[in-house]
Amino acid sequence: MKIWCSFIAFVFLFLAVSCKGDKKEENQKKEKAVVPELRLTIDTTAIASFYETYPKLKNFEEQVKSLYKKKNATQLWLDNKGVVEFGNTLFNKYKGLENEGLKANFPYKEINAVFEGNADNKLSKVNTDLMITNLYFYYAEKVYRGFDEKTSISLEWLLPRKKLNYQVFSDSIFEKSTINDDKKSKMFSQYYKLRDALKRYREIEKNGGWKTIEIDDAYKSLKLGDSSPIVSQIRERLFITQDIKEDNKSAVCDSTLIKGLKSYELHHGFAPKNTILPEHITDLNIPVSDRIKTIIVNMERCRWIDPKLEKGQQYIEVNIPEFKLYLIRDRQIAFTSPVVVGKAMTKTVIFSGTMSNIVFSPYWNVPPSIIAKEIKPGMAKNKNYLAQKNLEWNNGAVRQLPGKNNSLGLVKFLFPNSSNIYLHDTPSKSLFERESRAFSHGCVRVAKPRELAIEILKEDPKWTEARIDKAMHAGKESWYTIKKKFPVYIGYFTAWVDREGNLNFYKDIYQRDESLLKLLTEE
């Protein structure tokens, strides 16, 4: 009987506890149910009021209005618990702008309180949502667009600018709730390659960079077999940037070091040699901090390039500081040639055009400036000056007759433009042997013009190599209209990652990096 009573008591106790637990769970459900869904109204009036208070963000006003209208004038970043996860992702991306070569300097510090200490956030919920939206557009503009077109034109960058469609961009972002770029399709592909290089060079900087290689005024060169304390310094320096795979600390200039130096030369605008010269040491001593600045400047230039450019079936690109021309077909390099570009006083323009004509055995129409500065003074001293230079008067102007000594050589490639820039042959072949090749009056001289003509006319069976040779040496000007037009892009990049993944640095021959860097660091 006692056992039975104990059992009954246990059952009642269990039921009491169980009921109490069920009631507690039910109360929790009720508590959750009574919390209403956060629903803010963010209309044009609220938006206008926001920009009166925060005028430094006003350039985003139209995009912000459009976005909230599309989202039915409700909040984008807040729910009952506070900022949604996607909002925190955005803020973390903003705080990591250094990874994009940029400074995280949103104009209002209130944004930090929103994410880093909600208790300190004095913004209303409406203004909190609007502030995060403005951060979103700020981030998009900084990373995906860069400086506006007016600024890039002031820096003499006349290549077509990428258009950032904020609405399409916003749709993509909010559908996926992420701003990661795993597909790497939003930007010119070179941007991502330089971003990886920036990460690597910042790691080198974090580890102390590289030491200055000490040489005295008496230093001339080092060659294979030479022994010197300088050798071990060079070896250490090349190891840091992986131009050599190991540092054996040897002070003897061996084949491994020479091979490593040639790799360095190849990717820093030098013609490979078998000796280590003072100019190599000077270049090796450029601090890692300066190399990082160069990478950052060129990442900004990449922001201006439309990624659609490199999806073209075929086009020609010239990189001025590299002194090189590439013909790209089906995304592969089909042809390359050294080039000569404009002098500092007669810079080659950064722009694009469409190649429409090839002119064989061309006349050279002498620019008025050269007539005034060179030809007229020459004629005053020598009455046979025109004949000796193979020149003639032509309707009040001067032109040079076709032939092997013509300043344009045997062929020129035209892509009409207001700057009168074109590609052409030249009789001055020795200039292509120089490391620095800024000698022209602005046009681009091609080291391999015959091969370029063959490559351009490859898809036209009528233009055999024999016919091209005959036209080039005819001594009589003839024009050919290209059936399949070639886009031509003339750019300016002092840092570039090639298709093998090697980071290349080129000399800033027109001193353009510093002015752009100044704008980036002032931001």
Protein backbone atom coordinates (compact mmCIF):
# COMPACT_ATOMS: atom_id res chain seq x y z
CA MET A 1 0.00 0.00 0.00
CA LYS A 2 2.86 2.35 0.87
CA ILE A 3 4.54 1.57 -2.43
CA TRP A 4 1.32 2.32 -4.29
CA CYS A 5 0.87 5.66 -2.49
CA SER A 6 4.45 6.61 -3.29
CA PHE A 7 3.87 5.81 -6.95
CA ILE A 8 0.72 7.96 -7.03
CA ALA A 9 2.61 10.85 -5.40
CA PHE A 10 5.40 10.56 -8.00
CA VAL A 11 2.92 10.65 -10.88
CA PHE A 12 1.28 13.81 -9.54
CA LEU A 13 4.68 15.44 -9.05
CA PHE A 14 5.73 14.56 -12.63
CA LEU A 15 2.49 15.92 -14.03
CA ALA A 16 2.88 19.14 -12.05
CA VAL A 17 6.43 19.68 -13.27
CA SER A 18 5.46 18.72 -16.82
CA CYS A 19 2.50 21.12 -16.84
CA LYS A 20 4.69 23.86 -15.43
CA GLY A 21 7.22 23.27 -18.23
CA ASP A 22 4.51 23.27 -20.89
CA LYS A 23 3.09 26.49 -19.48
CA LYS A 24 6.55 28.12 -19.51
CA GLU A 25 7.06 27.08 -23.15
CA GLU A 26 3.61 28.39 -24.03
CA ASN A 27 4.37 31.73 -22.36
CA GLN A 28 7.64 31.99 -24.32
CA LYS A 29 5.76 31.41 -27.56
CA LYS A 30 3.27 34.12 -26.57
CA GLU A 31 6.11 36.52 -25.79
CA LYS A 32 7.59 35.87 -29.23
CA ALA A 33 4.26 36.31 -30.88
CA VAL A 34 3.62 39.71 -29.36
CA VAL A 35 6.87 41.21 -30.75
CA PRO A 36 5.72 42.90 -33.95
CA GLU A 37 7.73 42.75 -37.13
CA LEU A 38 9.81 45.91 -37.57
CA ARG A 39 8.38 47.92 -40.42
CA LEU A 40 9.70 51.43 -41.03
CA THR A 41 8.49 53.88 -43.64
CA ILE A 42 11.39 55.48 -45.43
CA ASP A 43 9.91 57.78 -48.03
CA THR A 44 11.22 60.80 -49.94
CA THR A 45 10.45 63.10 -47.01
CA ALA A 46 12.58 61.03 -44.62
CA ILE A 47 15.34 60.82 -47.22
CA ALA A 48 15.35 64.58 -47.86
CA SER A 49 15.52 65.24 -44.12
CA PHE A 50 18.45 62.84 -43.79
CA TYR A 51 20.52 64.70 -46.42
CA GLU A 52 19.84 68.03 -44.76
CA THR A 53 21.54 66.59 -41.68
CA TYR A 54 24.28 64.71 -43.56
CA PRO A 55 25.03 66.80 -46.68
CA LYS A 56 28.40 65.12 -47.41
CA LEU A 57 26.47 62.09 -48.65
CA LYS A 58 24.09 64.00 -50.90
CA ASN A 59 25.65 62.68 -54.13
CA PHE A 60 24.03 59.31 -53.31
CA GLU A 61 20.53 60.78 -52.86
CA GLU A 62 19.06 59.77 -56.23
CA GLN A 63 20.36 56.20 -55.97
CA VAL A 64 19.04 55.95 -52.41
CA LYS A 65 15.58 57.20 -53.40
CA SER A 66 15.44 54.75 -56.27
CA LEU A 67 16.45 51.82 -54.07
CA TYR A 68 13.88 52.50 -51.34
CA LYS A 69 11.18 53.05 -53.93
CA LYS A 70 12.00 49.66 -55.41
CA LYS A 71 11.84 48.11 -51.92
CA ASN A 72 8.42 49.67 -51.17
CA ALA A 73 9.79 52.38 -48.85
CA THR A 74 10.62 49.90 -46.08
CA GLN A 75 13.88 49.41 -44.21
CA LEU A 76 16.68 47.39 -45.81
CA TRP A 77 19.08 46.67 -42.96
CA LEU A 78 17.11 46.37 -39.72
CA ASP A 79 14.83 43.83 -38.10
CA ASN A 80 13.59 43.23 -34.53
CA LYS A 81 17.04 42.20 -33.35
CA GLY A 82 18.92 45.12 -34.87
CA VAL A 83 21.14 45.18 -37.95
CA VAL A 84 20.68 42.13 -40.18
CA GLU A 85 23.62 39.84 -40.91
CA PHE A 86 24.08 41.26 -44.39
CA GLY A 87 24.51 44.74 -42.87
CA ASN A 88 27.31 43.47 -40.64
CA THR A 89 28.93 41.85 -43.67
CA LEU A 90 28.85 45.21 -45.44
CA PHE A 91 30.46 46.98 -42.47
CA ASN A 92 33.21 44.36 -42.26
CA LYS A 93 33.90 44.83 -45.98
CA TYR A 94 34.05 48.59 -45.41
CA LYS A 95 36.50 48.18 -42.52
CA GLY A 96 38.62 46.00 -44.81
CA LEU A 97 38.89 48.59 -47.59
CA GLU A 98 42.65 48.53 -47.10
CA ASN A 99 42.57 45.16 -48.86
CA GLU A 100 41.26 47.02 -51.92
CA GLY A 101 44.03 49.59 -51.70
CA LEU A 102 41.67 52.21 -50.27
CA LYS A 103 41.11 54.10 -47.02
CA ALA A 104 38.03 53.46 -44.87
CA ASN A 105 37.02 57.08 -44.33
CA PHE A 106 33.25 57.28 -44.54
CA PRO A 107 32.47 60.96 -43.82
CA TYR A 108 30.33 60.40 -40.71
CA LYS A 109 31.61 58.55 -37.62
CA GLU A 110 28.05 57.71 -36.57
CA ILE A 111 28.35 54.64 -38.76
CA ASN A 112 30.82 53.12 -36.31
CA ALA A 113 28.41 53.44 -33.39
CA VAL A 114 25.74 51.58 -35.36
CA PHE A 115 27.91 48.48 -35.55
CA GLU A 116 30.51 48.76 -32.80
CA GLY A 117 28.35 49.86 -29.90
CA ASN A 118 24.59 50.03 -30.34
CA ALA A 119 24.23 51.75 -26.96
CA ASP A 120 26.11 54.73 -28.37
CA ASN A 121 24.00 54.88 -31.51
CA LYS A 122 22.01 58.13 -31.24
CA LEU A 123 20.47 57.76 -34.71
CA SER A 124 16.79 57.05 -35.12
CA LYS A 125 15.93 53.70 -36.69
CA VAL A 126 15.05 55.42 -39.97
CA ASN A 127 18.33 57.34 -40.05
CA THR A 128 20.24 54.22 -39.01
CA ASP A 129 18.86 52.38 -42.02
CA LEU A 130 19.59 55.34 -44.29
CA MET A 131 23.14 55.66 -42.95
CA ILE A 132 23.85 52.01 -43.73
CA THR A 133 22.37 52.42 -47.21
CA ASN A 134 24.70 55.33 -47.82
CA LEU A 135 27.61 53.22 -46.59
CA TYR A 136 26.57 50.61 -49.13
CA PHE A 137 26.68 53.12 -52.01
CA TYR A 138 29.91 54.62 -50.67
CA TYR A 139 31.52 51.16 -50.70
CA ALA A 140 30.20 50.37 -54.19
CA GLU A 141 31.47 53.66 -55.59
CA LYS A 142 34.91 53.42 -53.99
CA VAL A 143 35.59 49.80 -54.93
CA TYR A 144 33.70 49.27 -58.19
CA ARG A 145 33.79 52.69 -59.83
CA GLY A 146 36.71 54.65 -58.40
CA PHE A 147 37.16 58.32 -59.15
CA ASP A 148 34.53 59.89 -61.39
CA GLU A 149 35.07 60.44 -65.10
CA LYS A 150 35.78 64.14 -64.64
CA THR A 151 38.74 63.26 -62.40
CA SER A 152 40.12 60.56 -64.70
CA ILE A 153 39.90 62.92 -67.69
CA SER A 154 41.81 65.55 -65.68
CA LEU A 155 44.51 62.88 -65.34
CA GLU A 156 44.50 62.57 -69.17
CA TRP A 157 42.83 59.15 -69.14
CA LEU A 158 40.60 59.11 -72.23
CA LEU A 159 39.82 55.39 -72.46
CA PRO A 160 36.06 54.66 -72.26
CA ARG A 161 34.97 54.49 -68.63
CA LYS A 162 33.07 51.62 -67.06
CA LYS A 163 29.48 52.60 -66.23
CA LEU A 164 28.34 51.41 -62.81
CA ASN A 165 24.61 50.73 -62.99
CA TYR A 166 23.61 51.10 -59.36
CA GLN A 167 20.17 49.58 -59.89
CA VAL A 168 21.49 46.40 -61.51
CA PHE A 169 24.26 46.28 -58.92
CA SER A 170 21.74 46.67 -56.08
CA ASP A 171 19.46 43.97 -57.45
CA SER A 172 22.35 41.55 -57.64
CA ILE A 173 23.57 42.37 -54.14
CA PHE A 174 20.21 42.14 -52.37
CA GLU A 175 19.14 38.97 -54.17
CA LYS A 176 22.26 37.15 -52.96
CA SER A 177 22.66 39.06 -49.67
CA THR A 178 26.40 39.23 -50.25
CA ILE A 179 28.96 41.59 -51.71
CA ASN A 180 31.62 38.95 -52.22
CA ASP A 181 33.06 38.76 -55.73
CA ASP A 182 33.78 35.05 -56.00
CA LYS A 183 32.94 35.03 -59.69
CA LYS A 184 35.22 38.03 -60.18
CA SER A 185 33.11 39.39 -63.01
CA LYS A 186 32.30 42.89 -61.76
CA MET A 187 35.76 44.22 -62.49
CA PHE A 188 38.48 44.18 -65.11
CA SER A 189 40.29 40.89 -64.34
CA GLN A 190 43.63 42.66 -63.82
CA TYR A 191 42.13 44.30 -60.71
CA TYR A 192 41.82 40.99 -58.88
CA LYS A 193 45.35 39.96 -59.86
CA LEU A 194 46.77 43.21 -58.52
CA ARG A 195 44.69 42.84 -55.36
CA ASP A 196 46.33 39.46 -54.75
CA ALA A 197 49.74 41.05 -55.40
CA LEU A 198 48.91 43.81 -52.91
CA LYS A 199 48.18 41.22 -50.25
CA ARG A 200 51.51 39.49 -50.93
CA TYR A 201 53.55 42.71 -50.84
CA ARG A 202 51.82 43.87 -47.67
CA GLU A 203 52.84 40.57 -46.10
CA ILE A 204 56.43 41.24 -47.20
CA GLU A 205 56.20 44.70 -45.64
CA LYS A 206 54.77 43.25 -42.43
CA ASN A 207 57.78 40.91 -42.24
CA GLY A 208 60.23 43.81 -42.51
CA GLY A 209 60.47 44.30 -46.27
CA TRP A 210 63.98 44.12 -47.69
CA LYS A 211 67.25 45.74 -46.70
CA THR A 212 69.02 48.36 -48.78
CA ILE A 213 71.87 46.82 -50.77
CA GLU A 214 74.96 48.85 -49.88
CA ILE A 215 77.34 49.79 -52.70
CA ASP A 216 79.89 52.59 -53.06
CA ASP A 217 80.64 54.94 -55.95
CA ALA A 218 83.38 52.62 -57.18
CA TYR A 219 80.90 49.79 -57.89
CA LYS A 220 80.82 48.95 -61.60
CA SER A 221 79.31 45.48 -62.04
CA LEU A 222 79.24 41.86 -60.93
CA LYS A 223 79.42 38.87 -63.24
CA LEU A 224 79.40 35.09 -62.99
CA GLY A 225 82.16 33.86 -60.66
CA ASP A 226 82.74 37.18 -58.89
CA SER A 227 82.89 37.16 -55.09
CA SER A 228 81.65 40.06 -52.96
CA PRO A 229 79.61 40.74 -49.79
CA ILE A 230 77.20 42.56 -52.14
CA VAL A 231 76.31 39.23 -53.75
CA SER A 232 74.80 37.81 -50.55
CA GLN A 233 72.75 41.02 -50.15
CA ILE A 234 71.40 40.68 -53.70
CA ARG A 235 70.69 37.01 -53.10
CA GLU A 236 68.65 37.80 -49.98
CA ARG A 237 66.73 40.52 -51.83
CA LEU A 238 65.84 38.27 -54.79
CA PHE A 239 64.74 35.49 -52.44
CA ILE A 240 62.20 37.75 -50.73
CA THR A 241 60.36 38.36 -54.02
CA GLN A 242 60.89 34.72 -55.08
CA ASP A 243 63.09 35.53 -58.09
CA ILE A 244 65.28 32.80 -56.63
CA LYS A 245 63.80 29.87 -54.74
CA GLU A 246 66.37 29.61 -51.93
CA ASP A 247 68.96 31.79 -50.22
CA ASN A 248 72.15 29.79 -49.64
CA LYS A 249 73.91 32.90 -48.23
CA SER A 250 76.78 32.47 -50.70
CA ALA A 251 78.86 35.56 -51.54
CA VAL A 252 79.84 34.07 -54.91
CA CYS A 253 77.91 35.18 -57.99
CA ASP A 254 76.73 31.81 -59.33
CA SER A 255 74.43 30.77 -62.17
CA THR A 256 71.43 30.66 -59.81
CA LEU A 257 71.89 34.33 -58.92
CA ILE A 258 72.38 35.39 -62.55
CA LYS A 259 69.26 33.46 -63.55
CA GLY A 260 67.31 35.09 -60.70
CA LEU A 261 68.51 38.54 -61.71
CA LYS A 262 67.41 37.87 -65.30
CA SER A 263 63.96 36.95 -64.00
CA TYR A 264 63.89 40.22 -62.06
CA GLU A 265 65.02 42.20 -65.13
CA LEU A 266 62.38 40.59 -67.31
CA HIS A 267 59.62 41.72 -64.92
CA HIS A 268 60.98 45.21 -64.21
CA GLY A 269 61.50 46.66 -67.68
CA PHE A 270 65.16 45.73 -68.16
CA ALA A 271 66.72 43.86 -71.05
CA PRO A 272 68.19 40.68 -69.48
CA LYS A 273 71.98 40.79 -69.15
CA ASN A 274 74.72 38.59 -67.68
CA THR A 275 76.02 41.32 -65.39
CA ILE A 276 74.61 43.07 -62.32
CA LEU A 277 74.89 46.81 -62.96
CA PRO A 278 74.40 49.85 -60.66
CA GLU A 279 70.98 50.53 -62.21
CA HIS A 280 69.87 47.06 -61.17
CA ILE A 281 70.91 47.74 -57.58
CA THR A 282 69.05 51.07 -57.65
CA ASP A 283 65.89 49.31 -58.79
CA LEU A 284 66.27 46.48 -56.26
CA ASN A 285 66.53 49.11 -53.53
CA ILE A 286 63.13 50.65 -54.25
CA PRO A 287 61.33 50.12 -50.90
CA VAL A 288 58.44 47.67 -50.65
CA SER A 289 56.27 50.60 -49.49
CA ASP A 290 56.82 52.32 -52.85
CA ARG A 291 55.99 49.12 -54.72
CA ILE A 292 52.75 48.89 -52.73
CA LYS A 293 51.85 52.45 -53.74
CA THR A 294 52.41 51.54 -57.39
CA ILE A 295 50.10 48.54 -57.08
CA ILE A 296 47.40 50.67 -55.42
CA VAL A 297 47.56 53.34 -58.15
CA ASN A 298 47.13 50.72 -60.87
CA MET A 299 44.23 49.08 -59.04
CA GLU A 300 42.47 52.43 -59.27
CA ARG A 301 43.12 52.56 -63.03
CA CYS A 302 41.62 49.08 -63.31
CA ARG A 303 38.40 50.39 -61.72
CA TRP A 304 37.95 52.61 -64.75
CA ILE A 305 38.18 49.77 -67.27
CA ASP A 306 34.98 48.08 -68.44
CA PRO A 307 35.39 44.30 -67.96
CA LYS A 308 33.54 43.84 -71.26
CA LEU A 309 36.67 45.11 -73.02
CA GLU A 310 38.59 41.88 -72.49
CA LYS A 311 35.65 39.79 -73.66
CA GLY A 312 36.04 41.11 -77.20
CA GLN A 313 36.87 38.54 -79.86
CA GLN A 314 39.89 40.48 -81.05
CA TYR A 315 41.56 43.76 -80.19
CA ILE A 316 44.94 45.48 -79.91
CA GLU A 317 46.29 46.85 -76.64
CA VAL A 318 49.36 49.00 -76.06
CA ASN A 319 50.78 49.57 -72.58
CA ILE A 320 52.79 52.78 -72.80
CA PRO A 321 55.23 52.23 -69.85
CA GLU A 322 55.86 48.64 -70.99
CA PHE A 323 56.70 49.76 -74.55
CA LYS A 324 54.78 46.80 -75.90
CA LEU A 325 51.84 46.02 -78.19
CA TYR A 326 49.62 42.94 -77.93
CA LEU A 327 47.07 41.60 -80.39
CA ILE A 328 44.48 39.54 -78.51
CA ARG A 329 42.33 37.03 -80.33
CA ASP A 330 39.83 34.76 -78.57
CA ARG A 331 41.29 35.90 -75.21
CA GLN A 332 44.75 34.63 -76.14
CA ILE A 333 47.85 36.63 -77.10
CA ALA A 334 48.13 36.06 -80.85
CA PHE A 335 50.92 38.56 -81.47
CA THR A 336 53.23 40.90 -79.59
CA SER A 337 55.73 43.54 -80.60
CA PRO A 338 58.00 46.10 -78.94
CA VAL A 339 56.95 49.69 -79.59
CA VAL A 340 58.33 53.21 -79.32
CA VAL A 341 55.99 55.75 -77.70
CA GLY A 342 55.90 59.52 -77.31
CA LYS A 343 58.51 61.56 -75.46
CA ALA A 344 57.63 63.28 -72.19
CA MET A 345 57.05 66.51 -74.12
CA THR A 346 54.87 64.78 -76.75
CA LYS A 347 53.14 62.11 -74.71
CA THR A 348 51.22 59.29 -76.37
CA VAL A 349 47.56 59.80 -75.48
CA ILE A 350 45.70 57.28 -73.29
CA PHE A 351 42.61 56.54 -75.38
CA SER A 352 40.90 54.04 -77.67
CA GLY A 353 39.85 53.88 -81.30
CA THR A 354 38.79 51.46 -84.00
CA MET A 355 41.34 50.48 -86.61
CA SER A 356 39.73 50.89 -90.01
CA ASN A 357 42.54 51.23 -92.56
CA ILE A 358 46.01 49.99 -93.36
CA VAL A 359 48.07 52.32 -95.55
CA PHE A 360 50.92 50.72 -97.48
CA SER A 361 53.92 52.81 -98.71
CA PRO A 362 52.46 55.88 -96.95
CA TYR A 363 53.24 59.54 -97.37
CA TRP A 364 54.15 61.31 -94.16
CA ASN A 365 52.26 64.58 -93.79
CA VAL A 366 54.65 66.67 -91.73
CA PRO A 367 52.95 68.38 -88.73
CA PRO A 368 53.00 72.22 -88.79
CA SER A 369 55.06 72.30 -85.59
CA ILE A 370 57.88 70.29 -87.23
CA ILE A 371 57.69 72.44 -90.37
CA ALA A 372 58.18 75.55 -88.22
CA LYS A 373 60.86 74.16 -85.90
CA GLU A 374 62.89 71.94 -88.25
CA ILE A 375 62.05 72.19 -91.93
CA LYS A 376 61.94 75.95 -92.47
CA PRO A 377 65.22 76.53 -90.57
CA GLY A 378 66.74 73.66 -92.61
CA MET A 379 65.57 75.20 -95.88
CA ALA A 380 67.03 78.57 -94.85
CA LYS A 381 70.45 76.95 -94.49
CA ASN A 382 70.28 74.55 -97.45
CA LYS A 383 68.31 75.15 -100.65
CA ASN A 384 68.36 71.40 -101.42
CA TYR A 385 67.02 70.48 -97.97
CA LEU A 386 63.61 69.21 -99.20
CA ALA A 387 65.08 66.99 -101.94
CA GLN A 388 67.74 65.54 -99.64
CA LYS A 389 65.07 64.64 -97.07
CA ASN A 390 62.76 63.20 -99.75
CA LEU A 391 60.20 65.93 -98.99
CA GLU A 392 57.84 67.91 -101.23
CA TRP A 393 55.37 70.75 -100.95
CA ASN A 394 51.74 69.62 -101.17
CA ASN A 395 48.97 72.24 -101.21
CA GLY A 396 50.80 74.56 -98.86
CA ALA A 397 51.96 71.75 -96.58
CA VAL A 398 54.97 69.45 -96.62
CA ARG A 399 54.94 65.70 -97.02
CA GLN A 400 57.59 63.00 -97.22
CA LEU A 401 57.48 60.68 -100.23
CA PRO A 402 56.91 56.93 -99.77
CA GLY A 403 59.99 54.72 -99.41
CA LYS A 404 62.18 52.88 -96.93
CA ASN A 405 63.47 56.14 -95.42
CA ASN A 406 60.00 57.60 -94.88
CA SER A 407 59.48 58.50 -91.21
CA LEU A 408 56.42 56.23 -91.14
CA GLY A 409 58.33 53.37 -92.71
CA LEU A 410 56.51 51.09 -95.13
CA VAL A 411 53.08 50.82 -93.51
CA LYS A 412 50.79 52.60 -91.07
CA PHE A 413 47.65 51.50 -89.25
CA LEU A 414 44.87 54.06 -88.83
CA PHE A 415 42.19 54.32 -86.17
CA PRO A 416 40.66 57.81 -86.62
CA ASN A 417 40.94 60.06 -83.55
CA SER A 418 41.16 63.75 -82.70
CA SER A 419 44.77 63.40 -81.47
CA ASN A 420 45.94 62.06 -84.85
CA ILE A 421 47.64 59.09 -83.17
CA TYR A 422 48.29 55.90 -85.16
CA LEU A 423 50.57 52.87 -85.32
CA HIS A 424 53.33 52.80 -87.91
CA ASP A 425 56.62 51.35 -89.12
CA THR A 426 59.88 53.33 -88.78
CA PRO A 427 63.30 53.35 -90.43
CA SER A 428 64.90 53.94 -87.00
CA LYS A 429 65.07 50.26 -86.02
CA SER A 430 67.91 50.70 -83.52
CA LEU A 431 65.58 52.44 -81.05
CA PHE A 432 63.82 49.14 -80.35
CA GLU A 433 67.02 47.84 -78.76
CA ARG A 434 66.77 50.45 -75.99
CA GLU A 435 65.22 49.58 -72.63
CA SER A 436 63.38 52.91 -72.44
CA ARG A 437 61.67 53.73 -75.73
CA ALA A 438 59.97 57.12 -75.41
CA PHE A 439 61.21 58.91 -78.52
CA SER A 440 58.29 59.65 -80.84
CA HIS A 441 56.16 62.76 -81.37
CA GLY A 442 53.17 60.89 -79.94
CA CYS A 443 52.41 58.11 -82.42
CA VAL A 444 53.30 54.49 -81.70
CA ARG A 445 56.13 52.97 -83.75
CA VAL A 446 55.90 49.19 -84.16
CA ALA A 447 59.02 47.00 -84.26
CA LYS A 448 57.29 44.26 -86.29
CA PRO A 449 54.89 46.10 -88.63
CA ARG A 450 54.98 43.50 -91.40
CA GLU A 451 54.02 40.74 -88.96
CA LEU A 452 51.28 42.95 -87.51
CA ALA A 453 49.82 43.52 -91.00
CA ILE A 454 49.90 39.77 -91.65
CA GLU A 455 48.14 39.07 -88.36
CA ILE A 456 45.44 41.71 -88.93
CA LEU A 457 44.76 40.47 -92.49
CA LYS A 458 44.94 36.81 -91.52
CA GLU A 459 41.24 36.23 -92.12
CA ASP A 460 41.31 37.80 -95.59
CA PRO A 461 42.68 35.13 -98.01
CA LYS A 462 43.31 37.75 -100.72
CA TRP A 463 46.04 39.33 -98.60
CA THR A 464 48.83 36.81 -98.78
CA GLU A 465 52.25 37.56 -97.30
CA ALA A 466 53.60 38.09 -100.83
CA ARG A 467 50.89 40.68 -101.57
CA ILE A 468 51.56 42.49 -98.30
CA ASP A 469 55.31 42.62 -99.07
CA LYS A 470 54.62 43.96 -102.55
CA ALA A 471 52.29 46.70 -101.24
CA MET A 472 54.80 47.72 -98.56
CA HIS A 473 57.60 48.14 -101.13
CA ALA A 474 55.55 49.55 -104.02
CA GLY A 475 56.80 53.11 -103.51
CA LYS A 476 53.23 54.25 -104.15
CA GLU A 477 50.69 54.90 -101.42
CA SER A 478 47.71 52.51 -101.29
CA TRP A 479 44.88 52.21 -98.76
CA TYR A 480 43.05 49.09 -97.64
CA THR A 481 39.84 49.20 -95.60
CA ILE A 482 39.83 46.43 -93.01
CA LYS A 483 36.74 44.22 -93.26
CA LYS A 484 36.73 43.23 -89.60
CA LYS A 485 37.48 46.32 -87.55
CA PHE A 486 39.97 46.12 -84.68
CA PRO A 487 39.41 47.99 -81.42
CA VAL A 488 42.67 49.59 -80.24
CA TYR A 489 43.27 50.46 -76.58
CA ILE A 490 46.26 52.51 -75.51
CA GLY A 491 46.64 52.36 -71.73
CA TYR A 492 49.06 53.31 -68.98
CA PHE A 493 49.88 50.70 -66.32
CA THR A 494 53.07 50.77 -64.26
CA ALA A 495 52.17 47.52 -62.46
CA TRP A 496 50.71 44.54 -64.30
CA VAL A 497 50.28 40.83 -63.59
CA ASP A 498 50.93 38.84 -66.75
CA ARG A 499 49.17 35.67 -67.89
CA GLU A 500 51.77 33.51 -66.17
CA GLY A 501 50.96 35.20 -62.86
CA ASN A 502 54.17 37.27 -62.66
CA LEU A 503 53.93 40.78 -61.20
CA ASN A 504 55.65 43.31 -63.48
CA PHE A 505 56.69 46.86 -62.63
CA TYR A 506 57.45 49.49 -65.29
CA LYS A 507 58.98 52.95 -64.97
CA ASP A 508 56.50 55.82 -64.69
CA ILE A 509 57.84 57.52 -67.82
CA TYR A 510 55.23 60.31 -67.84
CA GLN A 511 55.23 60.81 -64.03
CA ARG A 512 51.51 60.03 -63.77
CA ASP A 513 51.50 57.83 -60.66
CA GLU A 514 52.26 60.53 -58.12
CA SER A 515 49.29 62.77 -58.95
CA LEU A 516 46.88 59.82 -58.78
CA LEU A 517 48.42 58.55 -55.55
CA LYS A 518 47.99 61.99 -54.02
CA LEU A 519 44.27 61.94 -54.82
CA LEU A 520 43.92 58.45 -53.34
CA THR A 521 45.71 59.32 -50.11
CA GLU A 522 43.78 62.58 -49.70
CA GLU A 523 40.46 60.75 -49.95
